[in-house]
Protein backbone atom coordinates (compact mmCIF):
# COMPACT_ATOMS: atom_id res chain seq x y z
CA MET A 1 0.09 -0.21 -0.35
CA ASN A 2 1.18 3.84 -0.79
CA LEU A 3 1.33 5.97 2.16
CA LYS A 4 -0.77 8.90 1.99
CA TYR A 5 -0.93 11.33 4.57
CA ILE A 6 -4.69 12.10 3.95
CA LYS A 7 -5.93 15.20 4.82
CA GLN A 8 -9.69 14.69 5.33
CA VAL A 9 -10.47 11.11 7.59
CA ALA A 10 -14.01 10.36 6.88
CA PRO A 11 -15.79 8.11 9.67
CA ALA A 12 -17.54 10.24 12.06
CA ALA A 13 -15.71 8.14 14.91
CA ALA A 14 -12.51 9.40 14.15
CA MET A 15 -13.59 12.65 13.87
CA LEU A 16 -14.76 12.68 17.13
CA LEU A 17 -11.18 11.52 18.82
CA THR A 18 -10.07 15.19 18.02
CA ALA A 19 -12.21 17.00 19.35
CA GLY A 20 -10.48 17.86 23.44
CA LEU A 21 -8.19 14.99 23.12
CA THR A 22 -5.50 14.72 26.44
CA SER A 23 -4.57 11.81 27.74
CA CYS A 24 -8.29 10.44 28.51
CA ASN A 25 -8.47 8.14 26.04
CA TYR A 26 -11.83 7.49 26.92
CA LEU A 27 -13.62 8.75 24.42
CA ASP A 28 -17.15 7.62 24.08
CA VAL A 29 -17.56 7.34 20.35
CA THR A 30 -21.11 5.48 19.53
CA PRO A 31 -23.08 7.24 17.22
CA ILE A 32 -25.86 9.70 18.67
CA ASP A 33 -28.36 8.09 15.95
CA PRO A 34 -28.86 4.61 17.37
CA ASN A 35 -29.97 3.97 13.62
CA SER A 36 -26.31 5.21 11.94
CA VAL A 37 -24.20 2.41 10.57
CA MET A 38 -20.14 3.32 10.63
CA VAL A 39 -18.13 2.03 7.72
CA PRO A 40 -15.02 2.45 9.03
CA ASP A 41 -12.59 4.03 6.37
CA GLU A 42 -9.91 1.12 6.68
CA PRO A 43 -7.25 3.32 4.69
CA ALA A 44 -7.89 6.78 6.37
CA LEU A 45 -7.43 5.58 10.01
CA TYR A 46 -4.06 3.36 9.01
CA SER A 47 -2.90 6.85 7.38
CA LYS A 48 -3.82 9.19 9.85
CA CYS A 49 -1.67 7.16 12.81
CA TYR A 50 1.05 8.02 10.63
CA ALA A 51 -0.23 11.73 9.62
CA THR A 52 -0.34 12.59 13.51
CA MET A 53 3.71 12.85 13.84
CA ALA A 54 3.48 14.99 10.30
CA LEU A 55 1.03 16.97 9.98
CA ALA A 56 -1.26 19.41 12.62
CA GLY A 57 -4.74 18.58 11.80
CA ASN A 58 -6.76 17.18 8.63
CA THR A 59 -5.54 20.22 6.81
CA GLY A 60 -2.67 21.20 6.22
CA ALA A 61 -0.37 23.54 8.11
CA ASP A 62 -2.89 26.79 8.06
CA GLY A 63 -5.36 25.06 8.43
CA ASP A 64 -6.85 23.15 11.84
CA CYS A 65 -5.33 21.05 14.79
CA ASP A 66 -6.28 17.91 16.18
CA ILE A 67 -5.58 19.11 19.65
CA ASP A 68 -8.25 21.61 21.19
CA ARG A 69 -6.71 24.91 22.19
CA LEU A 70 -3.28 24.17 21.02
CA ASP A 71 -2.32 24.99 17.92
CA GLY A 72 -0.28 23.56 15.48
CA GLY A 73 2.45 24.49 16.09
CA THR A 74 2.68 24.24 19.53
CA THR A 75 1.52 20.46 18.99
CA GLY A 76 3.76 19.45 16.81
CA PHE A 77 5.19 15.94 16.94
CA VAL A 78 8.34 16.68 15.70
CA ARG A 79 8.42 20.20 16.85
CA GLN A 80 7.82 19.27 20.69
CA MET A 81 10.24 16.64 20.90
CA TRP A 82 12.09 18.27 19.57
CA ASN A 83 12.17 21.56 21.89
CA LEU A 84 11.63 18.87 24.88
CA ASN A 85 14.84 17.38 23.69
CA GLU A 86 17.17 19.71 22.36
CA LEU A 87 16.66 23.22 23.93
CA THR A 88 16.77 21.82 27.46
CA THR A 89 20.41 20.81 26.45
CA ASP A 90 23.74 22.00 25.59
CA GLU A 91 23.38 21.70 22.03
CA ALA A 92 20.30 24.70 21.01
CA ILE A 93 19.17 27.82 22.89
CA CYS A 94 15.77 30.10 21.44
CA ALA A 95 16.05 33.73 21.44
CA TRP A 96 12.05 33.90 20.82
CA GLY A 97 9.91 34.92 24.22
CA ASP A 98 6.76 32.39 22.92
CA PRO A 99 5.47 31.12 26.24
CA GLY A 100 7.10 28.13 27.61
CA ILE A 101 10.54 28.63 25.55
CA PRO A 102 12.39 30.73 27.92
CA GLU A 103 11.59 28.03 30.23
CA PHE A 104 12.74 25.34 28.12
CA ASN A 105 16.12 27.65 27.68
CA PHE A 106 16.73 27.56 31.45
CA ASN A 107 15.39 24.48 32.69
CA THR A 108 12.36 25.78 34.68
CA TYR A 109 10.13 24.00 33.01
CA ASP A 110 6.34 23.50 35.25
CA ALA A 111 3.48 21.51 35.26
CA SER A 112 1.71 24.72 33.25
CA HIS A 113 4.29 24.38 30.13
CA PRO A 114 2.00 24.79 26.97
CA MET A 115 4.96 22.77 24.53
CA VAL A 116 5.10 19.98 27.44
CA GLU A 117 1.36 19.93 27.42
CA GLY A 118 1.21 19.84 23.55
CA PHE A 119 3.66 17.21 22.84
CA TYR A 120 2.02 15.10 25.84
CA ASN A 121 -1.21 15.56 24.27
CA ARG A 122 0.12 14.95 20.35
CA LEU A 123 1.39 11.82 21.91
CA TYR A 124 -1.75 10.80 23.53
CA ALA A 125 -3.88 11.71 20.42
CA SER A 126 -2.08 9.59 18.39
CA ILE A 127 -2.63 6.56 20.76
CA ALA A 128 -5.96 6.45 20.27
CA TYR A 129 -6.37 6.86 16.78
CA CYS A 130 -4.27 3.68 17.06
CA ASN A 131 -6.47 2.40 19.71
CA HIS A 132 -8.97 3.01 17.35
CA TYR A 133 -8.37 1.57 14.10
CA LEU A 134 -7.42 -1.67 16.41
CA ASP A 135 -10.54 -1.61 17.64
CA VAL A 136 -12.36 -1.36 14.35
CA CYS A 137 -10.59 -1.81 11.59
CA GLY A 138 -7.48 -4.48 13.15
CA GLY A 139 -7.47 -7.96 11.43
CA GLU A 140 -8.71 -6.09 8.74
CA ASN A 141 -4.81 -6.63 7.33
CA GLU A 142 -1.60 -8.41 9.20
CA THR A 143 1.20 -5.73 7.95
CA ARG A 144 -0.80 -2.23 8.62
CA THR A 145 -1.84 -3.91 12.05
CA ALA A 146 1.55 -4.87 12.88
CA GLU A 147 2.33 -1.09 12.13
CA VAL A 148 -0.54 0.41 14.23
CA ARG A 149 0.99 -1.44 17.19
CA PHE A 150 4.58 -0.31 16.35
CA LEU A 151 3.19 3.34 16.37
CA ARG A 152 1.44 2.73 19.24
CA ALA A 153 4.21 1.15 21.61
CA MET A 154 6.56 4.16 19.31
CA TYR A 155 4.50 7.17 21.15
CA TYR A 156 4.54 5.48 24.31
CA TYR A 157 8.60 4.94 23.89
CA PHE A 158 8.36 8.78 24.21
CA LEU A 159 6.30 8.56 26.70
CA MET A 160 8.18 6.51 28.66
CA ASP A 161 11.40 8.77 28.41
CA CYS A 162 9.68 11.89 28.50
CA PHE A 163 6.95 11.43 31.39
CA GLY A 164 8.11 8.28 33.61
CA ASN A 165 5.38 6.64 35.03
CA VAL A 166 1.72 7.71 32.62
CA PRO A 167 -1.34 6.74 32.35
CA PHE A 168 -2.27 3.03 30.43
CA ALA A 169 -4.78 2.15 28.25
CA THR A 170 -4.70 0.13 25.41
CA GLU A 171 -8.36 0.75 24.17
CA LEU A 172 -10.67 3.22 23.93
CA MET A 173 -12.27 3.48 27.72
CA SER A 174 -14.95 5.28 28.84
CA GLU A 175 -13.45 5.98 32.36
CA PRO A 176 -10.29 7.56 32.89
CA PRO A 177 -7.01 5.65 33.00
CA THR A 178 -5.00 3.90 35.34
CA GLN A 179 -1.02 4.99 35.68
CA ILE A 180 1.74 2.32 34.82
CA LYS A 181 4.93 2.37 36.22
CA ARG A 182 7.45 3.24 33.80
CA ALA A 183 9.73 -0.16 33.40
CA ASP A 184 5.96 -1.87 33.25
CA LEU A 185 5.51 -0.05 30.14
CA PHE A 186 9.16 -0.49 29.34
CA LYS A 187 8.04 -4.42 29.18
CA TRP A 188 5.07 -4.35 27.36
CA ILE A 189 6.55 -1.62 24.91
CA GLU A 190 9.28 -4.64 24.47
CA GLY A 191 6.70 -7.50 24.33
CA GLU A 192 5.04 -5.44 21.73
CA LEU A 193 8.10 -4.39 19.31
CA LYS A 194 8.91 -8.22 19.38
CA GLY A 195 5.75 -9.21 19.35
CA VAL A 196 5.02 -7.00 15.57
CA LYS A 197 8.18 -7.38 14.30
CA GLY A 198 7.80 -10.46 12.09
CA GLN A 199 4.11 -8.97 10.43
CA LEU A 200 6.18 -5.86 9.34
CA LEU A 201 6.94 -5.58 6.35
CA GLU A 202 11.08 -6.92 5.31
CA PRO A 203 13.56 -4.45 5.88
CA ALA A 204 14.56 -2.50 2.22
CA ALA A 205 15.81 0.92 1.49
CA ARG A 206 12.88 3.09 -0.50
CA THR A 207 12.92 5.61 -2.23
CA SER A 208 9.88 8.12 -2.33
CA ALA A 209 9.13 6.04 -5.64
CA ASP A 210 8.18 3.21 -3.81
CA ALA A 211 4.99 2.59 -2.40
CA SER A 212 6.19 1.58 0.64
CA TYR A 213 7.93 4.93 1.79
CA GLY A 214 7.10 6.13 5.59
CA ARG A 215 5.78 3.31 6.62
CA ALA A 216 7.82 1.20 9.58
CA ASP A 217 9.25 -2.01 8.68
CA GLN A 218 11.38 -4.31 10.78
CA ASP A 219 14.15 -2.35 11.48
CA ALA A 220 12.32 0.31 12.45
CA ALA A 221 11.30 -2.24 15.61
CA ASN A 222 14.74 -3.69 15.75
CA LEU A 223 16.39 0.03 15.80
CA LEU A 224 13.95 1.45 18.69
CA LEU A 225 14.31 -1.44 20.28
CA ALA A 226 18.02 -0.71 20.86
CA ARG A 227 17.10 2.71 21.71
CA MET A 228 15.71 1.25 24.54
CA TYR A 229 17.63 -1.34 25.87
CA LEU A 230 20.69 1.40 25.40
CA ASN A 231 18.21 3.69 27.98
CA ALA A 232 17.20 1.03 29.88
CA LYS A 233 19.02 0.97 33.22
CA VAL A 234 17.43 4.56 33.10
CA TYR A 235 14.26 2.94 32.87
CA THR A 236 14.52 0.21 34.52
CA GLY A 237 17.11 -0.32 36.99
CA GLU A 238 18.57 -2.52 34.98
CA GLU A 239 21.77 -2.81 32.21
CA LYS A 240 21.15 -4.13 28.77
CA TRP A 241 23.74 -3.40 26.55
CA ALA A 242 23.89 -6.68 24.83
CA GLU A 243 20.47 -6.63 23.75
CA ALA A 244 21.05 -3.03 22.68
CA GLN A 245 24.25 -4.31 20.33
CA GLN A 246 22.36 -6.83 19.19
CA TYR A 247 19.62 -5.03 17.77
CA ALA A 248 22.12 -2.57 16.34
CA GLU A 249 23.82 -4.85 15.01
CA ALA A 250 20.76 -6.34 13.01
CA VAL A 251 20.28 -2.67 11.53
CA ILE A 252 23.72 -2.44 10.59
CA ASN A 253 24.06 -5.80 8.71
CA GLY A 254 20.62 -4.75 6.95
CA PRO A 255 19.46 -3.08 4.37
CA HIS A 256 19.96 0.04 5.84
CA LYS A 257 23.15 1.71 4.96
CA LEU A 258 24.69 4.96 5.80
CA TRP A 259 24.33 6.98 3.27
CA THR A 260 28.42 7.82 1.36
CA GLY A 261 27.24 9.10 -2.07
CA THR A 262 27.68 13.09 -3.26
CA ASP A 263 26.41 15.22 -5.28
CA GLY A 264 26.14 19.43 -6.17
CA GLY A 265 29.09 19.58 -4.42
CA TRP A 266 27.26 18.68 -1.22
CA THR A 267 28.41 16.05 1.06
CA SER A 268 26.92 12.97 1.85
CA TYR A 269 26.09 14.49 5.47
CA GLN A 270 24.57 17.52 4.28
CA MET A 271 22.18 15.41 2.12
CA LEU A 272 20.40 13.39 4.30
CA PHE A 273 18.67 17.40 5.35
CA MET A 274 18.27 18.73 1.99
CA GLY A 275 14.77 18.92 -0.06
CA ASP A 276 15.26 16.16 -2.38
CA ASN A 277 16.27 13.28 0.31
CA GLY A 278 13.70 11.63 -0.29
CA GLU A 279 14.96 11.02 -4.20
CA SER A 280 18.81 11.54 -3.87
CA GLY A 281 19.75 8.06 -3.00
CA ALA A 282 19.80 9.68 0.84
CA SER A 283 16.69 7.57 2.24
CA VAL A 284 18.67 4.83 1.61
CA GLU A 285 19.90 5.31 5.82
CA ALA A 286 16.10 6.59 6.86
CA ILE A 287 14.41 3.62 8.22
CA LEU A 288 11.38 5.57 8.93
CA PRO A 289 11.09 9.10 7.40
CA LEU A 290 8.01 11.52 7.37
CA LYS A 291 7.57 12.87 4.31
CA GLN A 292 7.39 16.79 4.06
CA ASP A 293 6.26 18.34 0.44
CA GLY A 294 6.04 22.19 0.41
CA VAL A 295 2.85 21.79 -2.00
CA THR A 296 0.79 18.68 -0.99
CA THR A 297 1.69 17.76 2.87
CA THR A 298 2.87 21.30 4.75
CA SER A 299 2.96 21.64 7.93
CA TYR A 300 4.65 24.09 10.37
CA GLY A 301 5.87 21.21 13.08
CA THR A 302 8.11 19.05 11.31
CA SER A 303 10.96 20.01 9.13
CA MET A 304 9.99 23.60 8.28
CA PHE A 305 9.98 24.63 12.01
CA ILE A 306 14.08 22.25 12.41
CA MET A 307 15.00 24.91 9.03
CA SER A 308 13.48 27.92 9.38
CA SER A 309 14.04 28.56 13.10
CA CYS A 310 17.73 28.19 12.39
CA TRP A 311 18.30 30.74 9.78
CA LYS A 312 18.74 34.57 9.56
CA ASP A 313 18.11 36.17 6.14
CA ASP A 314 22.29 37.24 6.56
CA MET A 315 22.92 33.51 6.58
CA ASP A 316 25.69 32.22 3.57
CA THR A 317 23.35 30.16 1.97
CA GLN A 318 24.80 28.88 -0.82
CA SER A 319 23.03 28.57 -4.18
CA ASN A 320 20.05 29.59 -0.98
CA PHE A 321 17.62 27.38 -0.07
CA GLY A 322 16.98 26.51 -4.60
CA VAL A 323 14.26 29.24 -4.12
CA ASP A 324 13.89 32.40 -2.79
CA PHE A 325 12.65 30.94 0.32
CA THR A 326 10.71 33.50 2.78
CA ASN A 327 10.65 32.22 5.81
CA CYS A 328 13.46 32.47 7.76
CA TRP A 329 12.97 32.43 11.67
CA ALA A 330 15.64 33.13 13.27
CA GLY A 331 15.25 31.99 16.52
CA ASN A 332 17.10 29.18 17.55
CA ARG A 333 21.09 28.71 17.62
CA ALA A 334 24.03 26.25 19.19
CA ARG A 335 25.16 27.12 22.85
CA SER A 336 29.49 27.47 22.53
CA GLN A 337 29.87 23.75 24.60
CA PHE A 338 28.16 22.24 21.87
CA VAL A 339 29.75 24.04 18.91
CA LYS A 340 33.60 23.50 20.37
CA LEU A 341 32.76 19.84 20.45
CA PHE A 342 34.31 20.41 16.23
CA PHE A 343 37.41 22.44 17.43
CA GLN A 344 38.83 20.28 20.10
CA ASN A 345 42.11 21.41 19.59
CA THR A 346 41.94 24.96 18.17
CA ASP A 347 39.89 27.83 18.47
CA VAL A 348 36.57 28.32 16.84
CA PRO A 349 36.55 30.06 13.41
CA GLN A 350 34.28 33.35 13.07
CA VAL A 351 33.57 32.21 9.38
CA GLY A 352 30.70 30.99 7.14
CA ILE A 353 28.80 27.28 6.69
CA ALA A 354 32.28 25.86 3.83
CA ASP A 355 34.49 27.42 5.91
CA MET A 356 33.81 26.07 9.07
CA TYR A 357 32.85 22.47 8.44
CA GLN A 358 36.63 22.74 6.62
CA THR A 359 38.88 24.01 9.25
CA ALA A 360 36.18 21.96 11.90
CA GLY A 361 38.05 19.09 9.81
CA ASP A 362 33.83 17.13 9.84
CA ASP A 363 31.84 17.82 7.10
CA ARG A 364 29.16 17.42 9.97
CA ALA A 365 29.96 20.91 11.59
CA LEU A 366 27.45 22.87 9.88
CA PHE A 367 27.30 26.35 11.49
CA PHE A 368 27.37 29.85 10.55
CA GLY A 369 29.54 32.12 12.62
CA THR A 370 30.33 35.34 10.22
CA ASP A 371 29.15 38.61 12.62
CA ARG A 372 28.07 36.41 15.31
CA ASP A 373 29.63 35.40 19.25
CA LEU A 374 30.00 32.27 20.43
CA VAL A 375 29.57 32.51 23.56
CA VAL A 376 25.08 33.30 24.06
CA ASN A 377 25.79 36.39 26.09
CA THR A 378 22.04 37.30 25.19
CA PRO A 379 19.63 34.69 24.70
CA THR A 380 17.03 36.60 23.04
CA GLU A 381 19.19 37.81 20.40
CA PHE A 382 19.41 35.42 17.36
CA THR A 383 23.24 36.59 16.86
CA SER A 384 24.37 35.58 20.32
CA GLY A 385 25.58 32.17 19.51
CA TYR A 386 26.35 30.23 16.52
CA SER A 387 23.87 29.69 13.61
CA VAL A 388 23.50 26.07 12.98
CA ALA A 389 22.66 25.12 8.70
CA LYS A 390 21.98 21.58 9.24
CA PHE A 391 19.02 21.30 7.45
CA ARG A 392 18.47 23.14 3.93
CA ASN A 393 15.40 22.89 1.36
CA ALA A 394 17.49 23.23 -1.74
CA TYR A 395 18.01 19.93 -3.82
CA SER A 396 21.25 18.30 -4.19
CA ASN A 397 21.02 18.34 -8.35
CA GLY A 398 20.39 21.90 -8.37
CA ASP A 399 16.26 20.71 -9.10
CA THR A 400 13.95 24.00 -7.82
CA PRO A 401 11.65 22.99 -4.49
CA HIS A 402 7.90 22.22 -5.49
CA ASN A 403 7.35 25.60 -3.11
CA ASN A 404 8.80 28.99 -1.82
CA LYS A 405 7.65 28.92 1.61
CA PHE A 406 6.38 25.12 2.88
CA VAL A 407 9.92 22.88 2.64
CA ASP A 408 10.14 19.16 0.87
CA ILE A 409 12.52 18.01 3.44
CA ASP A 410 11.55 14.65 4.53
CA TYR A 411 12.44 14.37 8.08
CA PHE A 412 14.11 10.72 9.57
CA LEU A 413 13.21 9.83 12.10
CA MET A 414 15.50 6.83 12.28
CA ARG A 415 18.22 6.46 10.34
CA SER A 416 20.70 3.63 10.70
CA ALA A 417 23.89 5.89 11.96
CA GLU A 418 22.36 6.13 15.49
CA ALA A 419 22.67 2.28 15.66
CA TYR A 420 26.07 2.64 14.58
CA LEU A 421 26.31 5.15 17.48
CA ILE A 422 23.88 2.27 19.68
CA ALA A 423 26.16 -0.31 18.77
CA ALA A 424 29.31 1.44 19.35
CA GLU A 425 28.56 2.22 23.12
CA ALA A 426 26.55 -0.92 23.94
CA ASP A 427 30.23 -2.75 23.12
CA ALA A 428 32.25 -0.45 25.03
CA ARG A 429 30.36 -0.21 28.51
CA GLN A 430 30.75 -4.02 28.55
CA ASN A 431 34.57 -3.37 27.87
CA ASN A 432 36.06 -1.49 30.65
CA ASN A 433 34.25 2.23 28.95
CA VAL A 434 36.75 1.54 26.35
CA THR A 435 35.76 -0.12 22.19
CA THR A 436 36.68 -3.15 20.91
CA THR A 437 37.78 -3.21 17.48
CA VAL A 438 34.39 -3.88 16.55
CA GLY A 439 32.96 -0.33 18.53
CA ALA A 440 36.29 1.83 16.91
CA ARG A 441 34.54 0.06 13.33
CA TYR A 442 31.42 1.60 13.57
CA ILE A 443 32.67 4.77 15.23
CA ASN A 444 34.84 5.55 12.53
CA ALA A 445 32.37 4.54 9.91
CA LEU A 446 30.77 7.34 10.60
CA ARG A 447 34.20 9.20 11.33
CA ASP A 448 34.76 7.76 7.79
CA ARG A 449 31.78 9.72 6.04
CA ALA A 450 32.75 12.54 7.52
CA HIS A 451 35.88 12.73 6.39
CA ALA A 452 36.85 13.50 10.44
CA ALA A 453 39.66 11.52 11.73
CA LYS A 454 39.88 8.16 12.92
CA GLN A 455 41.18 6.47 16.58
CA ASP A 456 41.87 2.90 16.43
CA THR A 457 39.36 3.16 20.26
CA TYR A 458 36.80 5.18 22.12
CA THR A 459 36.08 5.73 25.50
CA THR A 460 31.61 6.45 26.58
CA ARG A 461 32.34 9.74 26.55
CA GLN A 462 34.44 9.90 23.48
CA ILE A 463 31.12 8.25 21.75
CA LEU A 464 28.34 10.82 23.91
CA ASP A 465 30.57 13.59 22.00
CA GLU A 466 30.51 11.38 18.83
CA ARG A 467 26.72 11.03 19.43
CA ALA A 468 26.49 15.14 18.90
CA ARG A 469 27.78 15.77 16.54
CA GLU A 470 26.25 13.08 14.66
CA LEU A 471 22.79 12.96 15.85
CA TYR A 472 22.66 17.09 16.91
CA TYR A 473 19.25 18.58 16.19
CA GLU A 474 17.23 15.14 15.56
CA GLY A 475 16.05 15.23 19.07
CA PHE A 476 18.39 12.44 21.47
CA ARG A 477 20.39 15.47 23.79
CA ARG A 478 18.55 15.46 27.06
CA THR A 479 18.07 10.85 26.79
CA ASP A 480 21.70 10.93 26.13
CA LEU A 481 22.81 13.47 28.83
CA VAL A 482 20.34 12.04 31.15
CA ARG A 483 21.75 8.48 30.04
CA TYR A 484 25.85 10.50 30.86
CA GLY A 485 23.72 11.35 34.97
CA LEU A 486 24.73 15.03 32.91
CA TYR A 487 21.72 16.31 32.66
CA ASN A 488 21.07 18.30 35.63
CA SER A 489 24.69 17.31 36.89
CA ALA A 490 27.48 19.86 38.34
CA GLU A 491 29.89 18.19 36.12
CA TYR A 492 28.87 19.14 33.22
CA MET A 493 27.86 23.11 32.72
CA TRP A 494 26.73 24.76 29.05
CA ASP A 495 25.38 28.55 28.72
CA TRP A 496 22.52 29.12 30.58
CA LYS A 497 21.89 25.51 32.22
CA GLY A 498 20.25 26.25 35.12
CA GLY A 499 19.19 29.74 34.08
CA ALA A 500 22.53 31.00 34.77
CA LEU A 501 25.37 32.26 31.79
CA ALA A 502 28.59 29.86 33.32
CA GLY A 503 25.77 26.92 33.86
CA ALA A 504 23.96 25.62 37.25
CA PRO A 505 23.19 22.47 38.38
CA PHE A 506 19.35 21.77 38.51
CA ALA A 507 17.01 19.41 40.80
CA GLU A 508 17.47 16.06 38.92
CA THR A 509 13.22 16.10 39.47
CA ARG A 510 13.46 17.32 36.07
CA CYS A 511 15.32 14.82 33.96
CA LEU A 512 11.33 13.79 33.97
CA TYR A 513 9.00 16.36 32.83
CA ALA A 514 5.58 17.08 34.36
CA ILE A 515 2.43 15.23 34.30
CA PRO A 516 0.65 18.37 32.46
CA ALA A 517 -1.85 19.76 35.03
CA GLU A 518 -4.43 19.70 33.29
CA ASP A 519 -4.52 15.69 33.18
CA MET A 520 -3.54 15.62 36.85
CA ASN A 521 -6.69 17.60 36.97
CA ALA A 522 -9.22 15.28 34.96
CA ASN A 523 -7.72 11.72 36.06
CA PRO A 524 -7.56 11.04 39.89
CA ASN A 525 -6.08 8.14 39.11
CA LEU A 526 -2.68 9.78 38.25
CA LYS A 527 0.37 10.20 40.73
CA GLN A 528 2.98 14.20 39.64
CA ASN A 529 6.40 13.16 39.16
CA PRO A 530 7.75 14.41 42.16
CA GLY A 531 9.42 18.18 42.08
CA TYR A 532 5.97 19.41 40.39
């Protein structure tokens, strides 16, 4: 089946799911008219389970939003996943004064944070779509049923990671759901992923021309399991390094390979985040791409958010964005400690993008430093801090993007490079925190692709730095710093950590987000996370 993000979800029951949805998952979808005959539109319901990650609602970027009271930007899946996991770390800081942004910047978020609420509600809306599909269409197609179960497990993974003990339901309910412990949710997700993996599509490298592009295959389950096992000590108190390596290597040894091609003077790494990444060959690395198109699939909360929020019109754009792009929002940029990871043996230059990565000796150092200050002395000033040019809507072959307002950049929610980093870290964790030749080979594959110097061995701390260099601005950093015990502690500081320019530790309870106050008030079964 060709996965399309269908903007109109036909059945009345499915439309009810968009009204005022929080974590309740206990909506009554019985028709008011007892004579009504509801015929589920299986393809539309199936597509909605995916589309909730890429679109705000059913009518595009300037249309409706699935979540009542909140706009599409506030509830965008990628946008808020990114905000929760990047703005609170050494990788990013935002100049805007929107409600909730300063609290992210300074690690002072609370139970009334609107963007935390938006992400939480988006995840539970997505789970409700999956539960509804499984209720009314679950036996119709084995593969699509397995995919929806995978998606539901993945949405619960993000809840487990960000919120800990959360409301849990696997069906639409008429009563508020009970709260599940984090370790028990880990076991449930683990069981679901293993249970459905055999029914998912066989793993294959696909392009946007393939009918199955954008659908979760068996490697999506392998990679999510590997990611969970890497963080198992945080979630359950039990280490699972061997399992992390096993499932990561299943991906490495499969068809999703590192992209090493080049085109039009662009590096392999740049091509992963460009407007034609679904067509250029770079999608060989994409395990779960979220499709974006500047005309037919538009969103302020997916790839466009990450790109537009990072660019200002004074930047060295190298053929611009392929067209006269109109949305440079000048908000997010890097904190100095992150930029310095690329310049550990030399000063950081104040140069444009091409000169920056060439000076760094690493293709991934996609920063713009001209007329910028390295240290973020003024959080509300965009030029205080280096700009990040990782995402760009240009086409590697020189073709013109579809639109000058919205982007064509498919968002690679999962890509195979992560598996290399997981396997390397798991290898080191099992060998006194230093890689064997196996683990070093995985890191060196990434560094070779980036034309960076290679080593014979890597420590676990060096692997953390390598994760930042490879995966920055893709939504991993908070989880990584929590796993290493560095997120809230005094052991590692960055600009404005804890609200101080030089950095300050903050309460360990901030390693989890609060369950939103609205849901706490609506559901008597819930207990708030400590410290909120």
